[in-house]
Amino acid sequence: MSELLEQLITPEVRAAFTVVVILLVILYVLSIIWVVRDAYLRGTRWYLWAIVALVPLVGVIAYCLLRPPLLQIDRDEQELEIALKQRQLMRYGECATCGYPVEADYVICPNCKSQLKNLCGTCHHALDPTWTVCPYCATPVGGPVPGHQSRPRSASGRSARGRSASAMPAENNVPAAR
């Protein structure tokens, strides 16, 4: 039997076997290096994954199954995108009544029709409820409109008829004389 083995194991077969073993060892070392580098880039504990990767084949497969889905740089980029979108949304406000997103120059909420701002009786620009004078035409807010009598307003800022002035067409925004 030893003669048969000597005939089968020629120097060429030994050289081929040695090359295959060396290639497998190189592949094993490279797989450990890949696991360590990838775990580091994904922001995990790379040294623990290096120990797991020391188990041939099973360690690399376990890492591939359990690794985080995103690289750390991709996660950071996603967080920045979310922060940017939130910042863009902050340019708009929310209706205090229903939470619907509204733009800065809306006078009423398009969803629940609640009044968000007052209108200037003279120039019909939207006014912040805290303003005491219209910055567009210098008319005192809540004061009499020159040449017109103002309608009585309730505490909520709505006209006596129950509708905001902005809900009416533009030609009806001027208060009628009594």
C-alpha atoms as a PDB file:
ATOM      1  CA  MET A   1       0.000   0.000   0.000  1.00  0.00           C
ATOM      2  CA  SER A   2       2.866   2.349   0.689  1.00  0.00           C
ATOM      3  CA  GLU A   3       4.124   1.743  -2.847  1.00  0.00           C
ATOM      4  CA  LEU A   4       0.733   2.767  -4.184  1.00  0.00           C
ATOM      5  CA  LEU A   5       0.762   5.950  -2.087  1.00  0.00           C
ATOM      6  CA  GLU A   6       4.267   6.793  -3.267  1.00  0.00           C
ATOM      7  CA  GLN A   7       3.121   6.398  -6.850  1.00  0.00           C
ATOM      8  CA  LEU A   8       0.066   8.657  -6.284  1.00  0.00           C
ATOM      9  CA  ILE A   9       1.859  11.324  -4.254  1.00  0.00           C
ATOM     10  CA  THR A  10       4.321  12.578  -6.770  1.00  0.00           C
ATOM     11  CA  PRO A  11       6.306  15.788  -6.312  1.00  0.00           C
ATOM     12  CA  GLU A  12       3.833  17.573  -8.607  1.00  0.00           C
ATOM     13  CA  VAL A  13       0.852  16.550  -6.450  1.00  0.00           C
ATOM     14  CA  ARG A  14       2.725  17.627  -3.319  1.00  0.00           C
ATOM     15  CA  ALA A  15       3.480  21.012  -4.917  1.00  0.00           C
ATOM     16  CA  ALA A  16      -0.165  21.436  -5.972  1.00  0.00           C
ATOM     17  CA  PHE A  17      -1.333  20.432  -2.478  1.00  0.00           C
ATOM     18  CA  THR A  18       1.105  22.919  -0.923  1.00  0.00           C
ATOM     19  CA  VAL A  19      -0.125  25.711  -3.218  1.00  0.00           C
ATOM     20  CA  VAL A  20      -3.775  24.964  -2.340  1.00  0.00           C
ATOM     21  CA  VAL A  21      -2.997  24.963   1.409  1.00  0.00           C
ATOM     22  CA  ILE A  22      -1.096  28.260   1.100  1.00  0.00           C
ATOM     23  CA  LEU A  23      -3.995  29.807  -0.844  1.00  0.00           C
ATOM     24  CA  LEU A  24      -6.482  28.632   1.806  1.00  0.00           C
ATOM     25  CA  VAL A  25      -4.341  30.113   4.581  1.00  0.00           C
ATOM     26  CA  ILE A  26      -4.092  33.421   2.684  1.00  0.00           C
ATOM     27  CA  LEU A  27      -7.865  33.399   2.130  1.00  0.00           C
ATOM     28  CA  TYR A  28      -8.408  32.692   5.848  1.00  0.00           C
ATOM     29  CA  VAL A  29      -6.150  35.593   6.898  1.00  0.00           C
ATOM     30  CA  LEU A  30      -7.760  37.935   4.361  1.00  0.00           C
ATOM     31  CA  SER A  31     -11.226  37.011   5.609  1.00  0.00           C
ATOM     32  CA  ILE A  32     -10.196  37.929   9.162  1.00  0.00           C
ATOM     33  CA  ILE A  33      -8.756  41.228   7.922  1.00  0.00           C
ATOM     34  CA  TRP A  34     -11.967  41.927   5.969  1.00  0.00           C
ATOM     35  CA  VAL A  35     -14.147  41.213   9.023  1.00  0.00           C
ATOM     36  CA  VAL A  36     -12.039  43.497  11.242  1.00  0.00           C
ATOM     37  CA  ARG A  37     -12.009  46.328   8.695  1.00  0.00           C
ATOM     38  CA  ASP A  38     -15.725  46.047   7.898  1.00  0.00           C
ATOM     39  CA  ALA A  39     -16.676  45.878  11.590  1.00  0.00           C
ATOM     40  CA  TYR A  40     -14.564  48.982  12.254  1.00  0.00           C
ATOM     41  CA  LEU A  41     -16.219  50.884   9.380  1.00  0.00           C
ATOM     42  CA  ARG A  42     -19.658  49.893  10.636  1.00  0.00           C
ATOM     43  CA  GLY A  43     -18.905  51.254  14.105  1.00  0.00           C
ATOM     44  CA  THR A  44     -19.107  47.946  15.970  1.00  0.00           C
ATOM     45  CA  ARG A  45     -16.651  46.315  18.359  1.00  0.00           C
ATOM     46  CA  TRP A  46     -14.177  45.149  15.755  1.00  0.00           C
ATOM     47  CA  TYR A  47     -11.968  43.288  18.254  1.00  0.00           C
ATOM     48  CA  LEU A  48     -14.854  40.999  19.261  1.00  0.00           C
ATOM     49  CA  TRP A  49     -15.628  40.264  15.624  1.00  0.00           C
ATOM     50  CA  ALA A  50     -11.934  39.544  15.033  1.00  0.00           C
ATOM     51  CA  ILE A  51     -12.108  36.826  17.709  1.00  0.00           C
ATOM     52  CA  VAL A  52     -15.290  35.414  16.152  1.00  0.00           C
ATOM     53  CA  ALA A  53     -13.670  35.478  12.698  1.00  0.00           C
ATOM     54  CA  LEU A  54     -10.816  33.294  13.981  1.00  0.00           C
ATOM     55  CA  VAL A  55     -13.217  30.339  13.767  1.00  0.00           C
ATOM     56  CA  PRO A  56     -12.696  29.230  10.167  1.00  0.00           C
ATOM     57  CA  LEU A  57     -15.646  29.807   7.824  1.00  0.00           C
ATOM     58  CA  VAL A  58     -18.282  29.818  10.595  1.00  0.00           C
ATOM     59  CA  GLY A  59     -16.975  33.094  12.051  1.00  0.00           C
ATOM     60  CA  VAL A  60     -17.126  34.913   8.715  1.00  0.00           C
ATOM     61  CA  ILE A  61     -20.611  33.568   8.001  1.00  0.00           C
ATOM     62  CA  ALA A  62     -21.789  34.623  11.487  1.00  0.00           C
ATOM     63  CA  TYR A  63     -20.388  38.107  10.939  1.00  0.00           C
ATOM     64  CA  CYS A  64     -22.085  38.420   7.545  1.00  0.00           C
ATOM     65  CA  LEU A  65     -25.414  37.453   9.108  1.00  0.00           C
ATOM     66  CA  LEU A  66     -25.156  39.636  12.229  1.00  0.00           C
ATOM     67  CA  ARG A  67     -23.303  42.730  11.082  1.00  0.00           C
ATOM     68  CA  PRO A  68     -25.028  46.139  11.127  1.00  0.00           C
ATOM     69  CA  PRO A  69     -26.738  46.960   7.826  1.00  0.00           C
ATOM     70  CA  LEU A  70     -25.078  50.361   7.328  1.00  0.00           C
ATOM     71  CA  LEU A  71     -21.583  51.724   7.492  1.00  0.00           C
ATOM     72  CA  GLN A  72     -20.993  54.396  10.128  1.00  0.00           C
ATOM     73  CA  ILE A  73     -20.491  57.059   7.456  1.00  0.00           C
ATOM     74  CA  ASP A  74     -23.821  56.118   5.833  1.00  0.00           C
ATOM     75  CA  ARG A  75     -25.576  56.328   9.216  1.00  0.00           C
ATOM     76  CA  ASP A  76     -24.064  59.760   9.822  1.00  0.00           C
ATOM     77  CA  GLU A  77     -25.170  60.879   6.357  1.00  0.00           C
ATOM     78  CA  GLN A  78     -28.712  59.653   7.010  1.00  0.00           C
ATOM     79  CA  GLU A  79     -28.814  61.532  10.318  1.00  0.00           C
ATOM     80  CA  LEU A  80     -27.641  64.699   8.567  1.00  0.00           C
ATOM     81  CA  GLU A  81     -30.309  64.291   5.885  1.00  0.00           C
ATOM     82  CA  ILE A  82     -32.984  63.853   8.543  1.00  0.00           C
ATOM     83  CA  ALA A  83     -31.737  66.928  10.415  1.00  0.00           C
ATOM     84  CA  LEU A  84     -31.762  68.919   7.158  1.00  0.00           C
ATOM     85  CA  LYS A  85     -35.305  67.840   6.343  1.00  0.00           C
ATOM     86  CA  GLN A  86     -36.431  68.724   9.871  1.00  0.00           C
ATOM     87  CA  ARG A  87     -34.791  72.120   9.491  1.00  0.00           C
ATOM     88  CA  GLN A  88     -36.556  72.640   6.170  1.00  0.00           C
ATOM     89  CA  LEU A  89     -39.859  71.673   7.768  1.00  0.00           C
ATOM     90  CA  MET A  90     -39.238  74.153  10.571  1.00  0.00           C
ATOM     91  CA  ARG A  91     -39.514  76.941   7.980  1.00  0.00           C
ATOM     92  CA  TYR A  92     -43.135  76.010   8.014  1.00  0.00           C
ATOM     93  CA  GLY A  93     -45.206  75.910  11.136  1.00  0.00           C
ATOM     94  CA  GLU A  94     -47.983  73.758  12.423  1.00  0.00           C
ATOM     95  CA  CYS A  95     -51.541  74.735  13.073  1.00  0.00           C
ATOM     96  CA  ALA A  96     -52.027  75.072  16.822  1.00  0.00           C
ATOM     97  CA  THR A  97     -55.453  73.471  16.529  1.00  0.00           C
ATOM     98  CA  CYS A  98     -54.904  70.419  14.315  1.00  0.00           C
ATOM     99  CA  GLY A  99     -51.118  70.186  13.802  1.00  0.00           C
ATOM    100  CA  TYR A 100     -51.383  70.463  10.017  1.00  0.00           C
ATOM    101  CA  PRO A 101     -48.214  71.911   8.408  1.00  0.00           C
ATOM    102  CA  VAL A 102     -48.788  75.527   7.379  1.00  0.00           C
ATOM    103  CA  GLU A 103     -46.563  78.051   5.655  1.00  0.00           C
ATOM    104  CA  ALA A 104     -45.466  81.256   7.325  1.00  0.00           C
ATOM    105  CA  ASP A 105     -47.820  83.490   5.312  1.00  0.00           C
ATOM    106  CA  TYR A 106     -51.005  81.431   5.777  1.00  0.00           C
ATOM    107  CA  VAL A 107     -53.832  83.331   7.424  1.00  0.00           C
ATOM    108  CA  ILE A 108     -56.083  80.333   8.045  1.00  0.00           C
ATOM    109  CA  CYS A 109     -55.332  76.641   8.324  1.00  0.00           C
ATOM    110  CA  PRO A 110     -56.336  74.881   5.094  1.00  0.00           C
ATOM    111  CA  ASN A 111     -57.252  71.792   7.083  1.00  0.00           C
ATOM    112  CA  CYS A 112     -59.372  72.970  10.028  1.00  0.00           C
ATOM    113  CA  LYS A 113     -60.060  76.580   8.908  1.00  0.00           C
ATOM    114  CA  SER A 114     -58.876  78.066  12.228  1.00  0.00           C
ATOM    115  CA  GLN A 115     -57.444  81.575  12.035  1.00  0.00           C
ATOM    116  CA  LEU A 116     -53.653  81.683  12.240  1.00  0.00           C
ATOM    117  CA  LYS A 117     -53.065  85.400  11.627  1.00  0.00           C
ATOM    118  CA  ASN A 118     -54.986  88.633  11.375  1.00  0.00           C
ATOM    119  CA  LEU A 119     -55.270  90.673   8.191  1.00  0.00           C
ATOM    120  CA  CYS A 120     -54.455  94.344   7.962  1.00  0.00           C
ATOM    121  CA  GLY A 121     -57.645  96.259   7.213  1.00  0.00           C
ATOM    122  CA  THR A 122     -55.824  98.653   4.905  1.00  0.00           C
ATOM    123  CA  CYS A 123     -53.311  96.677   2.869  1.00  0.00           C
ATOM    124  CA  HIS A 124     -54.664  93.146   3.559  1.00  0.00           C
ATOM    125  CA  HIS A 125     -51.262  91.660   4.454  1.00  0.00           C
ATOM    126  CA  ALA A 126     -51.086  88.831   6.959  1.00  0.00           C
ATOM    127  CA  LEU A 127     -50.124  90.080  10.410  1.00  0.00           C
ATOM    128  CA  ASP A 128     -48.658  88.210  13.328  1.00  0.00           C
ATOM    129  CA  PRO A 129     -51.142  88.223  16.222  1.00  0.00           C
ATOM    130  CA  THR A 130     -48.555  89.856  18.508  1.00  0.00           C
ATOM    131  CA  TRP A 131     -47.981  92.881  16.264  1.00  0.00           C
ATOM    132  CA  THR A 132     -49.524  96.197  17.272  1.00  0.00           C
ATOM    133  CA  VAL A 133     -48.893  97.939  13.958  1.00  0.00           C
ATOM    134  CA  CYS A 134     -48.891  96.727  10.354  1.00  0.00           C
ATOM    135  CA  PRO A 135     -45.268  96.822   9.114  1.00  0.00           C
ATOM    136  CA  TYR A 136     -46.450  97.167   5.518  1.00  0.00           C
ATOM    137  CA  CYS A 137     -48.632 100.273   5.782  1.00  0.00           C
ATOM    138  CA  ALA A 138     -48.083 101.534   9.375  1.00  0.00           C
ATOM    139  CA  THR A 139     -51.759 101.136  10.311  1.00  0.00           C
ATOM    140  CA  PRO A 140     -52.277 100.358  13.997  1.00  0.00           C
ATOM    141  CA  VAL A 141     -53.579  96.821  14.391  1.00  0.00           C
ATOM    142  CA  GLY A 142     -57.015  96.762  15.949  1.00  0.00           C
ATOM    143  CA  GLY A 143     -57.359 100.501  15.449  1.00  0.00           C
ATOM    144  CA  PRO A 144     -59.877 102.143  13.133  1.00  0.00           C
ATOM    145  CA  VAL A 145     -59.195 101.899   9.430  1.00  0.00           C
ATOM    146  CA  PRO A 146     -58.963 105.392   7.904  1.00  0.00           C
ATOM    147  CA  GLY A 147     -62.202 106.121   6.058  1.00  0.00           C
ATOM    148  CA  HIS A 148     -63.884 102.917   7.218  1.00  0.00           C
ATOM    149  CA  GLN A 149     -65.601 101.679  10.325  1.00  0.00           C
ATOM    150  CA  SER A 150     -64.247  98.429  11.637  1.00  0.00           C
ATOM    151  CA  ARG A 151     -66.410  95.477  12.501  1.00  0.00           C
ATOM    152  CA  PRO A 152     -66.438  94.352  16.137  1.00  0.00           C
ATOM    153  CA  ARG A 153     -64.059  91.442  16.705  1.00  0.00           C
ATOM    154  CA  SER A 154     -64.400  88.715  19.243  1.00  0.00           C
ATOM    155  CA  ALA A 155     -61.569  87.720  21.621  1.00  0.00           C
ATOM    156  CA  SER A 156     -60.455  84.975  19.242  1.00  0.00           C
ATOM    157  CA  GLY A 157     -59.808  87.492  16.456  1.00  0.00           C
ATOM    158  CA  ARG A 158     -62.748  86.391  14.316  1.00  0.00           C
ATOM    159  CA  SER A 159     -65.209  88.851  12.863  1.00  0.00           C
ATOM    160  CA  ALA A 160     -68.672  89.220  14.259  1.00  0.00           C
ATOM    161  CA  ARG A 161     -70.036  86.948  11.535  1.00  0.00           C
ATOM    162  CA  GLY A 162     -67.837  84.063  12.787  1.00  0.00           C
ATOM    163  CA  ARG A 163     -65.563  83.824   9.746  1.00  0.00           C
ATOM    164  CA  SER A 164     -62.083  85.213   9.413  1.00  0.00           C
ATOM    165  CA  ALA A 165     -61.556  88.046   6.986  1.00  0.00           C
ATOM    166  CA  SER A 166     -59.141  85.948   4.976  1.00  0.00           C
ATOM    167  CA  ALA A 167     -61.753  83.306   4.259  1.00  0.00           C
ATOM    168  CA  MET A 168     -63.679  85.834   2.182  1.00  0.00           C
ATOM    169  CA  PRO A 169     -62.764  86.749  -1.401  1.00  0.00           C
ATOM    170  CA  ALA A 170     -60.331  89.664  -1.751  1.00  0.00           C
ATOM    171  CA  GLU A 171     -62.995  92.154  -2.879  1.00  0.00           C
ATOM    172  CA  ASN A 172     -65.001  91.443   0.303  1.00  0.00           C
ATOM    173  CA  ASN A 173     -62.102  91.995   2.687  1.00  0.00           C
ATOM    174  CA  VAL A 174     -62.852  95.719   3.038  1.00  0.00           C
ATOM    175  CA  PRO A 175     -65.335  96.170   5.885  1.00  0.00           C
ATOM    176  CA  ALA A 176     -68.656  97.575   4.775  1.00  0.00           C
ATOM    177  CA  ALA A 177     -69.778 100.947   6.157  1.00  0.00           C
ATOM    178  CA  ARG A 178     -72.827 100.769   8.376  1.00  0.00           C
END
